[in-house]
Amino acid sequence: MDRDERSARESVVAAARDLDAQGLNRGTSGNVSVRFRDGLLITPSGLPTARMGPDDVVSMALDGTHPPDQKPSSEWRFHRDILASRRDCGAVVHAHPVYCTAFALCRREIPAVHYMIAVFGGPNVRCAPYAPYGTAELSDLALAALADRTVCLLANHGMIAAGANLEKALWLAVELETLCHQYAVALQVGTPTILSDHEIGTTVERFRGYGLNAAGPDRDRG
C-alpha cells in the first residue's frame, strides 16, 4: 500500500467517524466511498466506526470485484454505480439521519422551502421508491432520483449525498439533514411557503457564480 492509498483509506475512515460525530449515523448502518484510481475505496460491512482502521477499508474495482477476504458495505452497488456514471462525483455518503429518514419513511420529497435547497442542484430533493437494501434495483432507483441532483432520499431507508470529494459529500449530507429538520418544524408551525422553480433556478446560478463549488464546506448558510 503506497502513501496515496493509505491517505485515501484514512480519509474514508475519518469521514465515517464524522458521520457518527455529527449525529447523522449510529451503529453500523452508514457507509462511505471515495473514487480512487480506476475504482473506489468503501467502508466494510458491519464494522462499527470506532473499530475501523485504514486496512479495513475495501478496495473495489468498477466491475464489483474486491479482495476475497474482505466484505464491502452491503450498499456497494449504488456507491459503485454513482461513481461510475457521475464523473462530477468523487465521493458518496449514505446514512440514516433522523429527519431525512423520517421524510423517507413517509415517502415524501423535500420541496423548495428554503433557498439552500439550490445547493443540491434543483427545486426539490426526490425520494426514490422503495427497494430492498443492497440490490441492483435500489441502485437504479437511487440513480434516477439523483439525476441533476447531488442528494436524494430512499423510501423507508435513509439518504444519499454525492460530492466532488469527501468533504463536499459530508457537507451536503449535513445540509440535507438540516433542511429536513427545518421543514419538519415548519410543518408543525403551519404551512410552509414553497419557493418557485424560477427563484430556485436563479439561486442555483448565483451559487455557481458565488464560488460555492470551490468553497462549499466553508460557506455559511446565509
C-alpha atoms as a PDB file:
ATOM      1  CA  MET A   1       0.000   0.000   0.000  1.00  0.00           C
ATOM      2  CA  ASP A   2       1.565   3.301  -1.070  1.00  0.00           C
ATOM      3  CA  ARG A   3       1.246   6.660   0.657  1.00  0.00           C
ATOM      4  CA  ASP A   4      -1.598   7.901  -1.576  1.00  0.00           C
ATOM      5  CA  GLU A   5      -3.694   4.803  -0.904  1.00  0.00           C
ATOM      6  CA  ARG A   6      -3.011   4.967   2.822  1.00  0.00           C
ATOM      7  CA  SER A   7      -4.112   8.612   2.862  1.00  0.00           C
ATOM      8  CA  ALA A   8      -7.283   7.844   0.884  1.00  0.00           C
ATOM      9  CA  ARG A   9      -8.157   4.984   3.230  1.00  0.00           C
ATOM     10  CA  GLU A  10      -7.621   7.199   6.256  1.00  0.00           C
ATOM     11  CA  SER A  11      -9.934   9.822   4.748  1.00  0.00           C
ATOM     12  CA  VAL A  12     -12.697   7.223   4.352  1.00  0.00           C
ATOM     13  CA  VAL A  13     -12.355   6.181   7.998  1.00  0.00           C
ATOM     14  CA  ALA A  14     -12.350   9.821   9.106  1.00  0.00           C
ATOM     15  CA  ALA A  15     -15.486  10.540   7.070  1.00  0.00           C
ATOM     16  CA  ALA A  16     -17.291   7.523   8.520  1.00  0.00           C
ATOM     17  CA  ARG A  17     -16.431   8.680  12.025  1.00  0.00           C
ATOM     18  CA  ASP A  18     -17.521  12.203  11.174  1.00  0.00           C
ATOM     19  CA  LEU A  19     -20.978  10.869  10.268  1.00  0.00           C
ATOM     20  CA  ASP A  20     -21.279   9.495  13.793  1.00  0.00           C
ATOM     21  CA  ALA A  21     -19.774  12.588  15.441  1.00  0.00           C
ATOM     22  CA  GLN A  22     -22.269  14.886  13.703  1.00  0.00           C
ATOM     23  CA  GLY A  23     -25.209  12.696  14.685  1.00  0.00           C
ATOM     24  CA  LEU A  24     -26.004  11.640  11.127  1.00  0.00           C
ATOM     25  CA  ASN A  25     -25.480   7.973  11.797  1.00  0.00           C
ATOM     26  CA  ARG A  26     -25.381   5.382  14.566  1.00  0.00           C
ATOM     27  CA  GLY A  27     -24.090   1.855  14.776  1.00  0.00           C
ATOM     28  CA  THR A  28     -23.076   0.202  11.510  1.00  0.00           C
ATOM     29  CA  SER A  29     -25.806   1.448   9.166  1.00  0.00           C
ATOM     30  CA  GLY A  30     -23.935   4.213   7.307  1.00  0.00           C
ATOM     31  CA  ASN A  31     -21.331   3.811   4.585  1.00  0.00           C
ATOM     32  CA  VAL A  32     -18.808   5.959   2.756  1.00  0.00           C
ATOM     33  CA  SER A  33     -16.901   5.619  -0.501  1.00  0.00           C
ATOM     34  CA  VAL A  34     -14.362   7.634  -2.452  1.00  0.00           C
ATOM     35  CA  ARG A  35     -13.142   7.345  -6.027  1.00  0.00           C
ATOM     36  CA  PHE A  36      -9.591   6.010  -6.104  1.00  0.00           C
ATOM     37  CA  ARG A  37      -7.618   5.460  -9.269  1.00  0.00           C
ATOM     38  CA  ASP A  38      -9.630   3.121 -11.517  1.00  0.00           C
ATOM     39  CA  GLY A  39     -12.050   2.032  -8.807  1.00  0.00           C
ATOM     40  CA  LEU A  40     -13.177   3.035  -5.331  1.00  0.00           C
ATOM     41  CA  LEU A  41     -12.498   2.596  -1.658  1.00  0.00           C
ATOM     42  CA  ILE A  42     -15.510   1.797   0.518  1.00  0.00           C
ATOM     43  CA  THR A  43     -16.237   1.119   4.165  1.00  0.00           C
ATOM     44  CA  PRO A  44     -16.580  -2.551   5.148  1.00  0.00           C
ATOM     45  CA  SER A  45     -19.789  -4.304   6.072  1.00  0.00           C
ATOM     46  CA  GLY A  46     -20.917  -4.480   9.686  1.00  0.00           C
ATOM     47  CA  LEU A  47     -17.893  -2.894  11.367  1.00  0.00           C
ATOM     48  CA  PRO A  48     -18.504  -0.052  13.864  1.00  0.00           C
ATOM     49  CA  THR A  49     -16.548   3.067  13.013  1.00  0.00           C
ATOM     50  CA  ALA A  50     -14.826   3.069  16.401  1.00  0.00           C
ATOM     51  CA  ARG A  51     -13.151  -0.220  15.450  1.00  0.00           C
ATOM     52  CA  MET A  52     -12.492   0.664  11.813  1.00  0.00           C
ATOM     53  CA  GLY A  53      -8.986   1.291  10.549  1.00  0.00           C
ATOM     54  CA  PRO A  54      -7.472   2.043   7.138  1.00  0.00           C
ATOM     55  CA  ASP A  55      -6.720  -1.632   6.495  1.00  0.00           C
ATOM     56  CA  ASP A  56     -10.419  -2.475   6.918  1.00  0.00           C
ATOM     57  CA  VAL A  57     -11.466  -0.198   4.050  1.00  0.00           C
ATOM     58  CA  VAL A  58     -12.232  -2.297   0.970  1.00  0.00           C
ATOM     59  CA  SER A  59     -10.668  -1.626  -2.424  1.00  0.00           C
ATOM     60  CA  MET A  60     -13.167  -2.322  -5.199  1.00  0.00           C
ATOM     61  CA  ALA A  61     -12.953  -2.283  -8.980  1.00  0.00           C
ATOM     62  CA  LEU A  62     -15.788  -0.801 -11.015  1.00  0.00           C
ATOM     63  CA  ASP A  63     -16.831  -4.324 -12.031  1.00  0.00           C
ATOM     64  CA  GLY A  64     -17.582  -5.020  -8.355  1.00  0.00           C
ATOM     65  CA  THR A  65     -14.611  -7.274  -7.668  1.00  0.00           C
ATOM     66  CA  HIS A  66     -12.692  -6.903  -4.417  1.00  0.00           C
ATOM     67  CA  PRO A  67     -10.258  -8.890  -2.246  1.00  0.00           C
ATOM     68  CA  PRO A  68     -11.961 -12.185  -1.328  1.00  0.00           C
ATOM     69  CA  ASP A  69     -11.007 -11.868   2.332  1.00  0.00           C
ATOM     70  CA  GLN A  70     -12.875  -8.558   2.714  1.00  0.00           C
ATOM     71  CA  LYS A  71     -16.572  -7.749   2.654  1.00  0.00           C
ATOM     72  CA  PRO A  72     -17.610  -4.296   1.383  1.00  0.00           C
ATOM     73  CA  SER A  73     -20.673  -2.431   2.580  1.00  0.00           C
ATOM     74  CA  SER A  74     -23.909  -4.112   1.542  1.00  0.00           C
ATOM     75  CA  GLU A  75     -24.733  -0.895  -0.328  1.00  0.00           C
ATOM     76  CA  TRP A  76     -21.655  -1.081  -2.555  1.00  0.00           C
ATOM     77  CA  ARG A  77     -23.809  -1.242  -5.699  1.00  0.00           C
ATOM     78  CA  PHE A  78     -25.157   2.280  -5.557  1.00  0.00           C
ATOM     79  CA  HIS A  79     -21.782   3.621  -4.442  1.00  0.00           C
ATOM     80  CA  ARG A  80     -20.134   1.925  -7.424  1.00  0.00           C
ATOM     81  CA  ASP A  81     -22.879   2.922  -9.865  1.00  0.00           C
ATOM     82  CA  ILE A  82     -22.896   6.581  -8.791  1.00  0.00           C
ATOM     83  CA  LEU A  83     -19.125   6.875  -9.099  1.00  0.00           C
ATOM     84  CA  ALA A  84     -19.129   5.020 -12.422  1.00  0.00           C
ATOM     85  CA  SER A  85     -21.867   7.142 -14.006  1.00  0.00           C
ATOM     86  CA  ARG A  86     -21.291  10.567 -12.419  1.00  0.00           C
ATOM     87  CA  ARG A  87     -17.878  11.995 -13.288  1.00  0.00           C
ATOM     88  CA  ASP A  88     -18.756  15.085 -11.242  1.00  0.00           C
ATOM     89  CA  CYS A  89     -18.862  12.940  -8.099  1.00  0.00           C
ATOM     90  CA  GLY A  90     -15.783  11.670  -6.332  1.00  0.00           C
ATOM     91  CA  ALA A  91     -17.331  10.512  -3.061  1.00  0.00           C
ATOM     92  CA  VAL A  92     -20.619   9.123  -1.759  1.00  0.00           C
ATOM     93  CA  VAL A  93     -22.103   9.198   1.732  1.00  0.00           C
ATOM     94  CA  HIS A  94     -25.099   7.133   2.837  1.00  0.00           C
ATOM     95  CA  ALA A  95     -26.691   7.384   6.274  1.00  0.00           C
ATOM     96  CA  HIS A  96     -29.938   7.213   8.238  1.00  0.00           C
ATOM     97  CA  PRO A  97     -30.153  10.613   9.990  1.00  0.00           C
ATOM     98  CA  VAL A  98     -33.362  11.171  11.925  1.00  0.00           C
ATOM     99  CA  TYR A  99     -35.090  13.901   9.916  1.00  0.00           C
ATOM    100  CA  CYS A 100     -34.033  12.708   6.466  1.00  0.00           C
ATOM    101  CA  THR A 101     -35.171   9.223   7.369  1.00  0.00           C
ATOM    102  CA  ALA A 102     -38.470  10.467   8.819  1.00  0.00           C
ATOM    103  CA  PHE A 103     -39.403  12.000   5.446  1.00  0.00           C
ATOM    104  CA  ALA A 104     -38.119   8.890   3.696  1.00  0.00           C
ATOM    105  CA  LEU A 105     -40.406   6.764   5.886  1.00  0.00           C
ATOM    106  CA  CYS A 106     -43.303   8.909   4.690  1.00  0.00           C
ATOM    107  CA  ARG A 107     -42.007   8.688   1.097  1.00  0.00           C
ATOM    108  CA  ARG A 108     -42.099  12.465   0.776  1.00  0.00           C
ATOM    109  CA  GLU A 109     -39.833  14.603  -1.344  1.00  0.00           C
ATOM    110  CA  ILE A 110     -38.467  17.850   0.098  1.00  0.00           C
ATOM    111  CA  PRO A 111     -39.778  20.938  -1.727  1.00  0.00           C
ATOM    112  CA  ALA A 112     -38.120  24.344  -2.005  1.00  0.00           C
ATOM    113  CA  VAL A 113     -38.993  25.632   1.457  1.00  0.00           C
ATOM    114  CA  HIS A 114     -35.549  27.250   1.811  1.00  0.00           C
ATOM    115  CA  TYR A 115     -33.273  28.662  -0.837  1.00  0.00           C
ATOM    116  CA  MET A 116     -30.418  26.428   0.367  1.00  0.00           C
ATOM    117  CA  ILE A 117     -32.105  23.559  -1.466  1.00  0.00           C
ATOM    118  CA  ALA A 118     -30.401  25.028  -4.529  1.00  0.00           C
ATOM    119  CA  VAL A 119     -27.043  23.632  -3.372  1.00  0.00           C
ATOM    120  CA  PHE A 120     -28.410  20.203  -4.265  1.00  0.00           C
ATOM    121  CA  GLY A 121     -28.941  21.219  -7.878  1.00  0.00           C
ATOM    122  CA  GLY A 122     -32.660  21.925  -8.246  1.00  0.00           C
ATOM    123  CA  PRO A 123     -36.023  22.862  -6.719  1.00  0.00           C
ATOM    124  CA  ASN A 124     -36.609  19.631  -4.801  1.00  0.00           C
ATOM    125  CA  VAL A 125     -34.983  16.634  -3.177  1.00  0.00           C
ATOM    126  CA  ARG A 126     -36.539  13.494  -4.618  1.00  0.00           C
ATOM    127  CA  CYS A 127     -37.435  10.385  -2.674  1.00  0.00           C
ATOM    128  CA  ALA A 128     -36.602   7.208  -4.579  1.00  0.00           C
ATOM    129  CA  PRO A 129     -39.226   4.432  -4.445  1.00  0.00           C
ATOM    130  CA  TYR A 130     -38.599   1.555  -2.087  1.00  0.00           C
ATOM    131  CA  ALA A 131     -36.417  -1.420  -2.966  1.00  0.00           C
ATOM    132  CA  PRO A 132     -34.585  -3.848  -0.664  1.00  0.00           C
ATOM    133  CA  TYR A 133     -31.213  -2.634   0.571  1.00  0.00           C
ATOM    134  CA  GLY A 134     -28.133  -3.717  -1.310  1.00  0.00           C
ATOM    135  CA  THR A 135     -29.976  -4.596  -4.524  1.00  0.00           C
ATOM    136  CA  ALA A 136     -29.376  -3.539  -8.107  1.00  0.00           C
ATOM    137  CA  GLU A 137     -32.989  -2.336  -8.143  1.00  0.00           C
ATOM    138  CA  LEU A 138     -32.279   0.101  -5.308  1.00  0.00           C
ATOM    139  CA  SER A 139     -29.196   1.347  -7.128  1.00  0.00           C
ATOM    140  CA  ASP A 140     -31.196   2.019 -10.306  1.00  0.00           C
ATOM    141  CA  LEU A 141     -33.857   3.893  -8.348  1.00  0.00           C
ATOM    142  CA  ALA A 142     -31.240   5.936  -6.496  1.00  0.00           C
ATOM    143  CA  LEU A 143     -29.513   6.922  -9.732  1.00  0.00           C
ATOM    144  CA  ALA A 144     -32.832   8.120 -11.165  1.00  0.00           C
ATOM    145  CA  ALA A 145     -33.579  10.168  -8.033  1.00  0.00           C
ATOM    146  CA  LEU A 146     -30.107  11.704  -8.228  1.00  0.00           C
ATOM    147  CA  ALA A 147     -30.488  12.882 -11.835  1.00  0.00           C
ATOM    148  CA  ASP A 148     -29.307  16.523 -11.878  1.00  0.00           C
ATOM    149  CA  ARG A 149     -29.042  16.397  -8.086  1.00  0.00           C
ATOM    150  CA  THR A 150     -26.373  15.648  -5.503  1.00  0.00           C
ATOM    151  CA  VAL A 151     -28.680  14.202  -2.830  1.00  0.00           C
ATOM    152  CA  CYS A 152     -31.787  12.069  -2.566  1.00  0.00           C
ATOM    153  CA  LEU A 153     -33.894  10.219  -0.035  1.00  0.00           C
ATOM    154  CA  LEU A 154     -34.513   6.474  -0.201  1.00  0.00           C
ATOM    155  CA  ALA A 155     -38.051   5.406   0.726  1.00  0.00           C
ATOM    156  CA  ASN A 156     -38.263   3.667   4.115  1.00  0.00           C
ATOM    157  CA  HIS A 157     -34.484   3.751   4.330  1.00  0.00           C
ATOM    158  CA  GLY A 158     -32.335   6.915   4.503  1.00  0.00           C
ATOM    159  CA  MET A 159     -30.399   9.351   2.335  1.00  0.00           C
ATOM    160  CA  ILE A 160     -27.519   9.622  -0.131  1.00  0.00           C
ATOM    161  CA  ALA A 161     -25.195  12.568  -0.728  1.00  0.00           C
ATOM    162  CA  ALA A 162     -22.652  12.610  -3.554  1.00  0.00           C
ATOM    163  CA  GLY A 163     -19.989  15.282  -3.933  1.00  0.00           C
ATOM    164  CA  ALA A 164     -16.798  16.109  -5.748  1.00  0.00           C
ATOM    165  CA  ASN A 165     -14.848  14.888  -2.718  1.00  0.00           C
ATOM    166  CA  LEU A 166     -15.489  13.537   0.757  1.00  0.00           C
ATOM    167  CA  GLU A 167     -15.555  16.975   2.360  1.00  0.00           C
ATOM    168  CA  LYS A 168     -18.231  18.152  -0.066  1.00  0.00           C
ATOM    169  CA  ALA A 169     -20.281  14.940   0.255  1.00  0.00           C
ATOM    170  CA  LEU A 170     -20.288  15.222   4.056  1.00  0.00           C
ATOM    171  CA  TRP A 171     -21.225  18.900   3.868  1.00  0.00           C
ATOM    172  CA  LEU A 172     -24.134  18.090   1.565  1.00  0.00           C
ATOM    173  CA  ALA A 173     -25.299  15.379   3.959  1.00  0.00           C
ATOM    174  CA  VAL A 174     -25.299  17.859   6.857  1.00  0.00           C
ATOM    175  CA  GLU A 175     -27.142  20.472   4.762  1.00  0.00           C
ATOM    176  CA  LEU A 176     -29.800  17.932   3.783  1.00  0.00           C
ATOM    177  CA  GLU A 177     -30.421  16.834   7.360  1.00  0.00           C
ATOM    178  CA  THR A 178     -30.598  20.494   8.429  1.00  0.00           C
ATOM    179  CA  LEU A 179     -33.134  21.291   5.716  1.00  0.00           C
ATOM    180  CA  CYS A 180     -35.261  18.263   6.626  1.00  0.00           C
ATOM    181  CA  HIS A 181     -35.178  19.329  10.276  1.00  0.00           C
ATOM    182  CA  GLN A 182     -36.294  22.854   9.368  1.00  0.00           C
ATOM    183  CA  TYR A 183     -39.062  21.540   7.134  1.00  0.00           C
ATOM    184  CA  ALA A 184     -40.325  19.173   9.838  1.00  0.00           C
ATOM    185  CA  VAL A 185     -40.523  22.031  12.362  1.00  0.00           C
ATOM    186  CA  ALA A 186     -42.175  24.355   9.828  1.00  0.00           C
ATOM    187  CA  LEU A 187     -44.883  21.758   9.196  1.00  0.00           C
ATOM    188  CA  GLN A 188     -45.643  21.800  12.922  1.00  0.00           C
ATOM    189  CA  VAL A 189     -45.806  25.607  12.966  1.00  0.00           C
ATOM    190  CA  GLY A 190     -48.030  25.984   9.921  1.00  0.00           C
ATOM    191  CA  THR A 191     -47.939  25.654   6.142  1.00  0.00           C
ATOM    192  CA  PRO A 192     -44.504  26.403   4.668  1.00  0.00           C
ATOM    193  CA  THR A 193     -44.386  28.634   1.600  1.00  0.00           C
ATOM    194  CA  ILE A 194     -42.706  26.957  -1.376  1.00  0.00           C
ATOM    195  CA  LEU A 195     -40.299  28.992  -3.479  1.00  0.00           C
ATOM    196  CA  SER A 196     -40.891  28.879  -7.225  1.00  0.00           C
ATOM    197  CA  ASP A 197     -38.740  26.909  -9.667  1.00  0.00           C
ATOM    198  CA  HIS A 198     -37.637  30.241 -11.117  1.00  0.00           C
ATOM    199  CA  GLU A 199     -36.490  31.519  -7.731  1.00  0.00           C
ATOM    200  CA  ILE A 200     -34.532  28.344  -7.055  1.00  0.00           C
ATOM    201  CA  GLY A 201     -33.108  28.287 -10.575  1.00  0.00           C
ATOM    202  CA  THR A 202     -31.802  31.808 -10.055  1.00  0.00           C
ATOM    203  CA  THR A 203     -30.250  30.767  -6.745  1.00  0.00           C
ATOM    204  CA  VAL A 204     -28.574  27.752  -8.341  1.00  0.00           C
ATOM    205  CA  GLU A 205     -26.896  30.103 -10.823  1.00  0.00           C
ATOM    206  CA  ARG A 206     -25.954  32.590  -8.079  1.00  0.00           C
ATOM    207  CA  PHE A 207     -24.328  29.829  -6.071  1.00  0.00           C
ATOM    208  CA  ARG A 208     -22.257  28.821  -9.094  1.00  0.00           C
ATOM    209  CA  GLY A 209     -21.084  32.386  -9.545  1.00  0.00           C
ATOM    210  CA  TYR A 210     -20.526  32.886  -5.816  1.00  0.00           C
ATOM    211  CA  GLY A 211     -17.835  30.226  -5.661  1.00  0.00           C
ATOM    212  CA  LEU A 212     -19.863  27.576  -3.883  1.00  0.00           C
ATOM    213  CA  ASN A 213     -18.283  24.776  -5.889  1.00  0.00           C
ATOM    214  CA  ALA A 214     -14.843  25.902  -4.806  1.00  0.00           C
ATOM    215  CA  ALA A 215     -15.653  26.637  -1.177  1.00  0.00           C
ATOM    216  CA  GLY A 216     -18.921  24.919  -0.299  1.00  0.00           C
ATOM    217  CA  PRO A 217     -17.999  23.413   3.072  1.00  0.00           C
ATOM    218  CA  ASP A 218     -16.578  26.728   4.323  1.00  0.00           C
ATOM    219  CA  ARG A 219     -19.522  28.892   3.307  1.00  0.00           C
ATOM    220  CA  ASP A 220     -22.151  29.796   5.856  1.00  0.00           C
ATOM    221  CA  ARG A 221     -25.840  29.246   5.206  1.00  0.00           C
ATOM    222  CA  GLY A 222     -26.662  32.928   4.651  1.00  0.00           C
END
